[in-house]
Structure formats: C-alpha cells, structure tokens
Amino acid sequence: MDKWFAPREAGEILSMTPEAVRRLIRLGRLRATRIGNRIRIAQKEVESLVGETDGTPRPTSRRT
C-alpha cells in the first residue's frame, strides 16, 4: 500500500514550500489526488521528483 503525503509533508521531503508543491501539481509536474477537500500526493510521485529536485529555485520564463 502506498503512503500519501499532504503538500506540506511532500514539501519537506522535496525541500520546497507547500505552495511550490501546489504549483507543481497545477503545472502537471506532480500528480496528486483530492480526497474530500484535501490534496494528497502518493509516495511514488514524491520519490519520482526527489532526484530532479535539489532545493534550488529554477529560473522561470516570463512572457513579455
């Protein structure tokens, strides 16, 4: 059985804020499930990002 994390818990593992985790979910980079009114992220989804994320902010492109 998979373990599920709240955005805060996933953020601690990924060294990012809960808001950054929610942004990844909105952008489709992190799959999540809504259970009632709560967002939950499966452990395997968090683990898939652990190697990609080192905690440093990435540059964002802005349209002008």
PDB file of N, CA and C in Angstrom:
ATOM      1  N   MET A   1       0.851  -1.184   0.000  1.00  0.00           N
ATOM      2  CA  MET A   1       0.000   0.000   0.000  1.00  0.00           C
ATOM      3  C   MET A   1       0.892   1.241   0.000  1.00  0.00           C
ATOM      4  N   ASP A   2       0.502   2.206  -0.789  1.00  0.00           N
ATOM      5  CA  ASP A   2       1.255   3.445  -0.917  1.00  0.00           C
ATOM      6  C   ASP A   2       0.983   4.375   0.262  1.00  0.00           C
ATOM      7  N   LYS A   3       1.999   5.116   0.639  1.00  0.00           N
ATOM      8  CA  LYS A   3       1.828   6.147   1.655  1.00  0.00           C
ATOM      9  C   LYS A   3       1.451   7.447   0.942  1.00  0.00           C
ATOM     10  N   TRP A   4       0.628   8.267   1.576  1.00  0.00           N
ATOM     11  CA  TRP A   4       0.168   9.518   0.987  1.00  0.00           C
ATOM     12  C   TRP A   4       0.660  10.691   1.820  1.00  0.00           C
ATOM     13  N   PHE A   5       1.027  11.783   1.147  1.00  0.00           N
ATOM     14  CA  PHE A   5       1.540  12.957   1.819  1.00  0.00           C
ATOM     15  C   PHE A   5       0.675  14.175   1.523  1.00  0.00           C
ATOM     16  N   ALA A   6       0.576  15.056   2.498  1.00  0.00           N
ATOM     17  CA  ALA A   6      -0.018  16.377   2.282  1.00  0.00           C
ATOM     18  C   ALA A   6       1.035  17.242   1.590  1.00  0.00           C
ATOM     19  N   PRO A   7       0.637  18.344   0.954  1.00  0.00           N
ATOM     20  CA  PRO A   7       1.626  19.218   0.319  1.00  0.00           C
ATOM     21  C   PRO A   7       2.730  19.677   1.269  1.00  0.00           C
ATOM     22  N   ARG A   8       2.404  19.908   2.523  1.00  0.00           N
ATOM     23  CA  ARG A   8       3.421  20.321   3.498  1.00  0.00           C
ATOM     24  C   ARG A   8       4.458  19.228   3.691  1.00  0.00           C
ATOM     25  N   GLU A   9       4.001  17.980   3.846  1.00  0.00           N
ATOM     26  CA  GLU A   9       4.922  16.854   4.044  1.00  0.00           C
ATOM     27  C   GLU A   9       5.760  16.599   2.797  1.00  0.00           C
ATOM     28  N   ALA A  10       5.127  16.657   1.638  1.00  0.00           N
ATOM     29  CA  ALA A  10       5.864  16.471   0.383  1.00  0.00           C
ATOM     30  C   ALA A  10       6.902  17.575   0.219  1.00  0.00           C
ATOM     31  N   GLY A  11       6.545  18.798   0.603  1.00  0.00           N
ATOM     32  CA  GLY A  11       7.480  19.908   0.528  1.00  0.00           C
ATOM     33  C   GLY A  11       8.692  19.708   1.407  1.00  0.00           C
ATOM     34  N   GLU A  12       8.501  19.154   2.580  1.00  0.00           N
ATOM     35  CA  GLU A  12       9.624  18.879   3.473  1.00  0.00           C
ATOM     36  C   GLU A  12      10.576  17.870   2.835  1.00  0.00           C
ATOM     37  N   ILE A  13      10.031  16.858   2.212  1.00  0.00           N
ATOM     38  CA  ILE A  13      10.856  15.834   1.565  1.00  0.00           C
ATOM     39  C   ILE A  13      11.594  16.423   0.360  1.00  0.00           C
ATOM     40  N   LEU A  14      10.902  17.284  -0.389  1.00  0.00           N
ATOM     41  CA  LEU A  14      11.466  17.856  -1.618  1.00  0.00           C
ATOM     42  C   LEU A  14      12.238  19.151  -1.378  1.00  0.00           C
ATOM     43  N   SER A  15      12.313  19.589  -0.146  1.00  0.00           N
ATOM     44  CA  SER A  15      12.987  20.849   0.216  1.00  0.00           C
ATOM     45  C   SER A  15      12.382  22.044  -0.511  1.00  0.00           C
ATOM     46  N   MET A  16      11.066  22.130  -0.449  1.00  0.00           N
ATOM     47  CA  MET A  16      10.361  23.268  -1.035  1.00  0.00           C
ATOM     48  C   MET A  16       9.137  23.581  -0.198  1.00  0.00           C
ATOM     49  N   THR A  17       8.553  24.722  -0.459  1.00  0.00           N
ATOM     50  CA  THR A  17       7.384  25.144   0.305  1.00  0.00           C
ATOM     51  C   THR A  17       6.142  24.389  -0.157  1.00  0.00           C
ATOM     52  N   PRO A  18       5.119  24.326   0.692  1.00  0.00           N
ATOM     53  CA  PRO A  18       3.862  23.714   0.269  1.00  0.00           C
ATOM     54  C   PRO A  18       3.264  24.427  -0.951  1.00  0.00           C
ATOM     55  N   GLU A  19       3.467  25.735  -1.043  1.00  0.00           N
ATOM     56  CA  GLU A  19       2.963  26.483  -2.196  1.00  0.00           C
ATOM     57  C   GLU A  19       3.654  26.037  -3.480  1.00  0.00           C
ATOM     58  N   ALA A  20       4.955  25.768  -3.399  1.00  0.00           N
ATOM     59  CA  ALA A  20       5.689  25.282  -4.573  1.00  0.00           C
ATOM     60  C   ALA A  20       5.190  23.897  -4.986  1.00  0.00           C
ATOM     61  N   VAL A  21       4.860  23.058  -4.015  1.00  0.00           N
ATOM     62  CA  VAL A  21       4.305  21.730  -4.309  1.00  0.00           C
ATOM     63  C   VAL A  21       2.966  21.889  -5.022  1.00  0.00           C
ATOM     64  N   ARG A  22       2.117  22.776  -4.531  1.00  0.00           N
ATOM     65  CA  ARG A  22       0.817  23.008  -5.178  1.00  0.00           C
ATOM     66  C   ARG A  22       0.999  23.539  -6.601  1.00  0.00           C
ATOM     67  N   ARG A  23       2.026  24.378  -6.798  1.00  0.00           N
ATOM     68  CA  ARG A  23       2.312  24.902  -8.135  1.00  0.00           C
ATOM     69  C   ARG A  23       2.706  23.759  -9.083  1.00  0.00           C
ATOM     70  N   LEU A  24       3.535  22.828  -8.606  1.00  0.00           N
ATOM     71  CA  LEU A  24       3.909  21.680  -9.427  1.00  0.00           C
ATOM     72  C   LEU A  24       2.686  20.848  -9.800  1.00  0.00           C
ATOM     73  N   ILE A  25       1.750  20.728  -8.868  1.00  0.00           N
ATOM     74  CA  ILE A  25       0.511  19.986  -9.136  1.00  0.00           C
ATOM     75  C   ILE A  25      -0.289  20.707 -10.217  1.00  0.00           C
ATOM     76  N   ARG A  26      -0.440  22.029 -10.079  1.00  0.00           N
ATOM     77  CA  ARG A  26      -1.192  22.804 -11.083  1.00  0.00           C
ATOM     78  C   ARG A  26      -0.552  22.722 -12.468  1.00  0.00           C
ATOM     79  N   LEU A  27       0.785  22.709 -12.511  1.00  0.00           N
ATOM     80  CA  LEU A  27       1.511  22.648 -13.783  1.00  0.00           C
ATOM     81  C   LEU A  27       1.552  21.237 -14.376  1.00  0.00           C
ATOM     82  N   GLY A  28       1.088  20.254 -13.618  1.00  0.00           N
ATOM     83  CA  GLY A  28       1.075  18.884 -14.110  1.00  0.00           C
ATOM     84  C   GLY A  28       2.395  18.156 -13.937  1.00  0.00           C
ATOM     85  N   ARG A  29       3.336  18.714 -13.195  1.00  0.00           N
ATOM     86  CA  ARG A  29       4.633  18.071 -12.961  1.00  0.00           C
ATOM     87  C   ARG A  29       4.579  17.085 -11.813  1.00  0.00           C
ATOM     88  N   LEU A  30       3.536  17.182 -10.982  1.00  0.00           N
ATOM     89  CA  LEU A  30       3.378  16.296  -9.837  1.00  0.00           C
ATOM     90  C   LEU A  30       1.916  15.871  -9.788  1.00  0.00           C
ATOM     91  N   ARG A  31       1.693  14.567  -9.823  1.00  0.00           N
ATOM     92  CA  ARG A  31       0.318  14.055  -9.776  1.00  0.00           C
ATOM     93  C   ARG A  31      -0.163  14.008  -8.335  1.00  0.00           C
ATOM     94  N   ALA A  32      -1.401  14.396  -8.144  1.00  0.00           N
ATOM     95  CA  ALA A  32      -1.991  14.407  -6.806  1.00  0.00           C
ATOM     96  C   ALA A  32      -3.444  13.971  -6.908  1.00  0.00           C
ATOM     97  N   THR A  33      -3.992  13.619  -5.765  1.00  0.00           N
ATOM     98  CA  THR A  33      -5.383  13.190  -5.675  1.00  0.00           C
ATOM     99  C   THR A  33      -6.082  14.040  -4.635  1.00  0.00           C
ATOM    100  N   ARG A  34      -7.291  14.426  -4.938  1.00  0.00           N
ATOM    101  CA  ARG A  34      -8.093  15.156  -3.968  1.00  0.00           C
ATOM    102  C   ARG A  34      -8.962  14.142  -3.245  1.00  0.00           C
ATOM    103  N   ILE A  35      -8.815  14.107  -1.927  1.00  0.00           N
ATOM    104  CA  ILE A  35      -9.625  13.232  -1.082  1.00  0.00           C
ATOM    105  C   ILE A  35     -10.461  14.155  -0.211  1.00  0.00           C
ATOM    106  N   GLY A  36     -11.731  14.245  -0.534  1.00  0.00           N
ATOM    107  CA  GLY A  36     -12.586  15.242   0.120  1.00  0.00           C
ATOM    108  C   GLY A  36     -12.110  16.615  -0.320  1.00  0.00           C
ATOM    109  N   ASN A  37     -11.769  17.465   0.628  1.00  0.00           N
ATOM    110  CA  ASN A  37     -11.258  18.785   0.267  1.00  0.00           C
ATOM    111  C   ASN A  37      -9.750  18.884   0.493  1.00  0.00           C
ATOM    112  N   ARG A  38      -9.088  17.751   0.637  1.00  0.00           N
ATOM    113  CA  ARG A  38      -7.644  17.728   0.908  1.00  0.00           C
ATOM    114  C   ARG A  38      -6.879  17.167  -0.288  1.00  0.00           C
ATOM    115  N   ILE A  39      -5.700  17.718  -0.522  1.00  0.00           N
ATOM    116  CA  ILE A  39      -4.825  17.245  -1.587  1.00  0.00           C
ATOM    117  C   ILE A  39      -3.854  16.244  -0.986  1.00  0.00           C
ATOM    118  N   ARG A  40      -3.691  15.115  -1.648  1.00  0.00           N
ATOM    119  CA  ARG A  40      -2.744  14.097  -1.197  1.00  0.00           C
ATOM    120  C   ARG A  40      -1.890  13.661  -2.379  1.00  0.00           C
ATOM    121  N   ILE A  41      -0.597  13.423  -2.097  1.00  0.00           N
ATOM    122  CA  ILE A  41       0.361  13.029  -3.111  1.00  0.00           C
ATOM    123  C   ILE A  41       0.911  11.662  -2.724  1.00  0.00           C
ATOM    124  N   ALA A  42       0.881  10.727  -3.665  1.00  0.00           N
ATOM    125  CA  ALA A  42       1.379   9.376  -3.398  1.00  0.00           C
ATOM    126  C   ALA A  42       2.888   9.394  -3.222  1.00  0.00           C
ATOM    127  N   GLN A  43       3.380   8.507  -2.372  1.00  0.00           N
ATOM    128  CA  GLN A  43       4.810   8.418  -2.086  1.00  0.00           C
ATOM    129  C   GLN A  43       5.615   8.215  -3.357  1.00  0.00           C
ATOM    130  N   LYS A  44       5.138   7.381  -4.278  1.00  0.00           N
ATOM    131  CA  LYS A  44       5.897   7.127  -5.508  1.00  0.00           C
ATOM    132  C   LYS A  44       6.026   8.384  -6.354  1.00  0.00           C
ATOM    133  N   GLU A  45       5.027   9.285  -6.307  1.00  0.00           N
ATOM    134  CA  GLU A  45       5.105  10.540  -7.052  1.00  0.00           C
ATOM    135  C   GLU A  45       6.157  11.463  -6.442  1.00  0.00           C
ATOM    136  N   VAL A  46       6.211  11.501  -5.122  1.00  0.00           N
ATOM    137  CA  VAL A  46       7.220  12.325  -4.439  1.00  0.00           C
ATOM    138  C   VAL A  46       8.613  11.771  -4.738  1.00  0.00           C
ATOM    139  N   GLU A  47       8.755  10.462  -4.657  1.00  0.00           N
ATOM    140  CA  GLU A  47      10.051   9.842  -4.919  1.00  0.00           C
ATOM    141  C   GLU A  47      10.519  10.087  -6.351  1.00  0.00           C
ATOM    142  N   SER A  48       9.583  10.173  -7.290  1.00  0.00           N
ATOM    143  CA  SER A  48       9.976  10.412  -8.682  1.00  0.00           C
ATOM    144  C   SER A  48      10.585  11.798  -8.863  1.00  0.00           C
ATOM    145  N   LEU A  49      10.229  12.739  -7.990  1.00  0.00           N
ATOM    146  CA  LEU A  49      10.779  14.089  -8.080  1.00  0.00           C
ATOM    147  C   LEU A  49      12.017  14.290  -7.219  1.00  0.00           C
ATOM    148  N   VAL A  50      12.294  13.408  -6.290  1.00  0.00           N
ATOM    149  CA  VAL A  50      13.418  13.593  -5.384  1.00  0.00           C
ATOM    150  C   VAL A  50      14.718  13.746  -6.162  1.00  0.00           C
ATOM    151  N   GLY A  51      14.931  12.944  -7.174  1.00  0.00           N
ATOM    152  CA  GLY A  51      16.151  13.033  -7.962  1.00  0.00           C
ATOM    153  C   GLY A  51      16.227  14.287  -8.811  1.00  0.00           C
ATOM    154  N   GLU A  52      15.081  14.827  -9.199  1.00  0.00           N
ATOM    155  CA  GLU A  52      15.025  16.011 -10.057  1.00  0.00           C
ATOM    156  C   GLU A  52      15.178  17.297  -9.270  1.00  0.00           C
ATOM    157  N   THR A  53      14.860  17.280  -7.991  1.00  0.00           N
ATOM    158  CA  THR A  53      14.794  18.499  -7.203  1.00  0.00           C
ATOM    159  C   THR A  53      15.922  18.527  -6.187  1.00  0.00           C
ATOM    160  N   ASP A  54      16.714  19.581  -6.217  1.00  0.00           N
ATOM    161  CA  ASP A  54      17.793  19.719  -5.236  1.00  0.00           C
ATOM    162  C   ASP A  54      17.559  20.892  -4.306  1.00  0.00           C
ATOM    163  N   GLY A  55      16.376  21.501  -4.377  1.00  0.00           N
ATOM    164  CA  GLY A  55      16.033  22.583  -3.469  1.00  0.00           C
ATOM    165  C   GLY A  55      16.385  23.967  -3.962  1.00  0.00           C
ATOM    166  N   THR A  56      17.100  24.066  -5.075  1.00  0.00           N
ATOM    167  CA  THR A  56      17.447  25.390  -5.588  1.00  0.00           C
ATOM    168  C   THR A  56      16.355  25.867  -6.530  1.00  0.00           C
ATOM    169  N   PRO A  57      16.043  27.137  -6.493  1.00  0.00           N
ATOM    170  CA  PRO A  57      14.999  27.639  -7.383  1.00  0.00           C
ATOM    171  C   PRO A  57      15.439  27.576  -8.842  1.00  0.00           C
ATOM    172  N   ARG A  58      14.515  27.281  -9.689  1.00  0.00           N
ATOM    173  CA  ARG A  58      14.776  27.227 -11.122  1.00  0.00           C
ATOM    174  C   ARG A  58      14.336  28.547 -11.742  1.00  0.00           C
ATOM    175  N   PRO A  59      15.054  28.989 -12.761  1.00  0.00           N
ATOM    176  CA  PRO A  59      14.617  30.219 -13.441  1.00  0.00           C
ATOM    177  C   PRO A  59      13.286  29.989 -14.140  1.00  0.00           C
ATOM    178  N   THR A  60      12.452  30.979 -14.107  1.00  0.00           N
ATOM    179  CA  THR A  60      11.166  30.880 -14.794  1.00  0.00           C
ATOM    180  C   THR A  60      11.180  31.827 -15.983  1.00  0.00           C
ATOM    181  N   SER A  61      10.556  31.373 -17.040  1.00  0.00           N
ATOM    182  CA  SER A  61      10.465  32.259 -18.205  1.00  0.00           C
ATOM    183  C   SER A  61       9.191  33.053 -18.104  1.00  0.00           C
ATOM    184  N   ARG A  62       9.294  34.311 -18.398  1.00  0.00           N
ATOM    185  CA  ARG A  62       8.121  35.166 -18.357  1.00  0.00           C
ATOM    186  C   ARG A  62       7.857  35.724 -19.746  1.00  0.00           C
ATOM    187  N   ARG A  63       6.633  35.679 -20.130  1.00  0.00           N
ATOM    188  CA  ARG A  63       6.246  36.236 -21.418  1.00  0.00           C
ATOM    189  C   ARG A  63       6.137  37.742 -21.290  1.00  0.00           C
ATOM    190  N   THR A  64       6.677  38.433 -22.235  1.00  0.00           N
ATOM    191  CA  THR A  64       6.594  39.895 -22.186  1.00  0.00           C
ATOM    192  C   THR A  64       5.728  40.412 -23.296  1.00  0.00           C
TER     193      THR A  64
END
